[in-house]
Amino acid sequence: MDLHNPIAQVASIVALLGAIYKLAIEPNINAKIASLETKGFLVIDNLKDKLNERVTTTDRKVDIHLQDYTNYKDANLLQSNGLDEKINHTWNKTKELIEREKTDRKETQLFFQKQYEALAQQKQYDSKNHE
């Protein structure tokens, strides 16, 4: 019977430690685990909120830059079209001036041709009358 008594005592001590663990330590560990879980979820939620905030801010900045680019592109397009119109207008005006100049030159040539012919006729008339 000597063995039975120490084994019973060891079994009692193990059962007693198990009960203490179950009653005192395990709930504390479970509470710590639950607390860590809660803190982890809060950290994740905070990170998610900060990330959403940064994404929203970045999205706004991108929208502003896209709008600036669109305005810049439109302004350049308007300026380019304005320059094209100005160039076309100037070219058309230059063509008109060249055409007028050609017409004026032809008229002047005709005028000088008539003057030359008139002088030539006058010389012939003068030379016939003086002989």
Protein backbone atom coordinates (compact mmCIF):
# COMPACT_ATOMS: atom_id res chain seq x y z
CA MET A 1 0.00 0.00 0.00
CA ASP A 2 2.95 2.19 0.13
CA LEU A 3 2.78 2.98 -3.57
CA HIS A 4 -0.87 3.75 -3.61
CA ASN A 5 -0.62 6.56 -1.12
CA PRO A 6 2.12 8.57 -2.97
CA ILE A 7 0.38 8.06 -6.34
CA ALA A 8 -2.88 9.28 -4.86
CA GLN A 9 -1.08 12.26 -3.38
CA VAL A 10 0.59 13.10 -6.74
CA ALA A 11 -2.76 12.67 -8.50
CA SER A 12 -4.40 14.93 -5.93
CA ILE A 13 -1.68 17.55 -6.36
CA VAL A 14 -2.02 17.40 -10.18
CA ALA A 15 -5.81 17.67 -9.90
CA LEU A 16 -5.42 20.57 -7.48
CA LEU A 17 -2.98 22.36 -9.84
CA GLY A 18 -5.32 21.71 -12.75
CA ALA A 19 -8.22 23.20 -10.81
CA ILE A 20 -6.13 26.25 -9.80
CA TYR A 21 -5.04 26.67 -13.42
CA LYS A 22 -8.64 26.33 -14.60
CA LEU A 23 -9.98 28.78 -12.03
CA ALA A 24 -7.20 31.35 -11.69
CA ILE A 25 -4.74 31.29 -14.57
CA GLU A 26 -6.77 30.21 -17.63
CA PRO A 27 -9.40 32.97 -17.32
CA ASN A 28 -6.57 35.50 -16.96
CA ILE A 29 -4.89 34.12 -20.09
CA ASN A 30 -8.21 34.09 -21.95
CA ALA A 31 -8.82 37.69 -20.87
CA LYS A 32 -5.35 38.69 -22.07
CA ILE A 33 -5.93 36.91 -25.38
CA ALA A 34 -9.30 38.64 -25.77
CA SER A 35 -7.67 41.96 -24.87
CA LEU A 36 -4.92 41.39 -27.43
CA GLU A 37 -7.51 40.41 -30.03
CA THR A 38 -9.48 43.58 -29.32
CA LYS A 39 -6.35 45.72 -29.48
CA GLY A 40 -5.33 44.01 -32.72
CA PHE A 41 -8.72 44.67 -34.27
CA LEU A 42 -8.57 48.31 -33.13
CA VAL A 43 -5.10 48.70 -34.66
CA ILE A 44 -6.35 47.13 -37.90
CA ASP A 45 -9.40 49.42 -37.94
CA ASN A 46 -7.22 52.49 -37.28
CA LEU A 47 -4.84 51.47 -40.05
CA LYS A 48 -7.77 50.91 -42.38
CA ASP A 49 -9.19 54.35 -41.54
CA LYS A 50 -5.80 56.04 -42.05
CA LEU A 51 -5.30 54.18 -45.32
CA ASN A 52 -8.77 55.21 -46.52
CA GLU A 53 -7.98 58.79 -45.53
CA ARG A 54 -4.69 58.74 -47.44
CA VAL A 55 -6.32 57.14 -50.49
CA THR A 56 -9.06 59.79 -50.43
CA THR A 57 -6.50 62.60 -50.09
CA THR A 58 -4.38 61.16 -52.88
CA ASP A 59 -7.46 60.74 -55.06
CA ARG A 60 -8.36 64.40 -54.53
CA LYS A 61 -4.82 65.45 -55.38
CA VAL A 62 -4.87 63.34 -58.54
CA ASP A 63 -8.23 64.84 -59.50
CA ILE A 64 -6.84 68.34 -59.00
CA HIS A 65 -3.76 67.54 -61.09
CA LEU A 66 -5.88 65.94 -63.81
CA GLN A 67 -8.09 69.04 -63.89
CA ASP A 68 -5.00 71.27 -64.06
CA TYR A 69 -3.63 69.16 -66.91
CA THR A 70 -6.95 69.29 -68.75
CA ASN A 71 -7.10 73.08 -68.34
CA TYR A 72 -3.48 73.41 -69.48
CA LYS A 73 -4.12 71.19 -72.50
CA ASP A 74 -7.30 73.11 -73.39
CA ALA A 75 -5.50 76.45 -73.04
CA ASN A 76 -2.71 75.23 -75.31
CA LEU A 77 -5.23 73.91 -77.81
CA LEU A 78 -7.08 77.23 -77.83
CA GLN A 79 -3.81 79.09 -78.23
CA SER A 80 -2.74 76.76 -81.02
CA ASN A 81 -6.07 77.16 -82.79
CA GLY A 82 -5.87 80.92 -82.29
CA LEU A 83 -2.40 80.95 -83.81
CA ASP A 84 -3.60 78.81 -86.72
CA GLU A 85 -6.45 81.23 -87.34
CA LYS A 86 -4.09 84.19 -87.08
CA ILE A 87 -1.62 82.56 -89.49
CA ASN A 88 -4.40 81.72 -91.95
CA HIS A 89 -5.79 85.25 -91.69
CA THR A 90 -2.34 86.77 -92.22
CA TRP A 91 -1.67 84.44 -95.14
CA ASN A 92 -4.99 85.29 -96.77
CA LYS A 93 -4.31 89.00 -96.25
CA THR A 94 -0.83 88.57 -97.74
CA LYS A 95 -2.26 86.73 -100.75
CA GLU A 96 -4.73 89.56 -101.30
CA LEU A 97 -1.93 92.13 -101.06
CA ILE A 98 0.20 90.15 -103.53
CA GLU A 99 -2.73 89.90 -105.95
CA ARG A 100 -3.35 93.65 -105.64
CA GLU A 101 0.35 94.30 -106.17
CA LYS A 102 0.33 92.14 -109.30
CA THR A 103 -2.72 93.99 -110.58
CA ASP A 104 -1.15 97.36 -109.76
CA ARG A 105 2.09 96.33 -111.47
CA LYS A 106 0.20 95.22 -114.59
CA GLU A 107 -1.75 98.47 -114.64
CA THR A 108 1.47 100.44 -114.18
CA GLN A 109 3.16 98.49 -116.97
CA LEU A 110 0.19 99.14 -119.25
CA PHE A 111 0.28 102.82 -118.31
CA PHE A 112 4.01 103.09 -119.07
CA GLN A 113 3.54 101.09 -122.25
CA LYS A 114 0.85 103.56 -123.38
CA GLN A 115 3.05 106.49 -122.36
CA TYR A 116 5.97 105.02 -124.30
CA GLU A 117 3.79 104.45 -127.36
CA ALA A 118 2.43 107.99 -127.05
CA LEU A 119 5.96 109.41 -126.81
CA ALA A 120 7.08 107.28 -129.73
CA GLN A 121 4.15 108.55 -131.81
CA GLN A 122 4.92 112.11 -130.71
CA LYS A 123 8.53 111.71 -131.80
CA GLN A 124 7.46 110.35 -135.16
CA TYR A 125 5.00 113.21 -135.60
CA ASP A 126 7.61 115.76 -134.54
CA SER A 127 10.25 114.30 -136.81
CA LYS A 128 7.84 114.33 -139.81
CA ASN A 129 6.76 117.89 -139.16
CA HIS A 130 10.29 119.23 -138.81
CA GLU A 131 11.52 117.79 -142.04
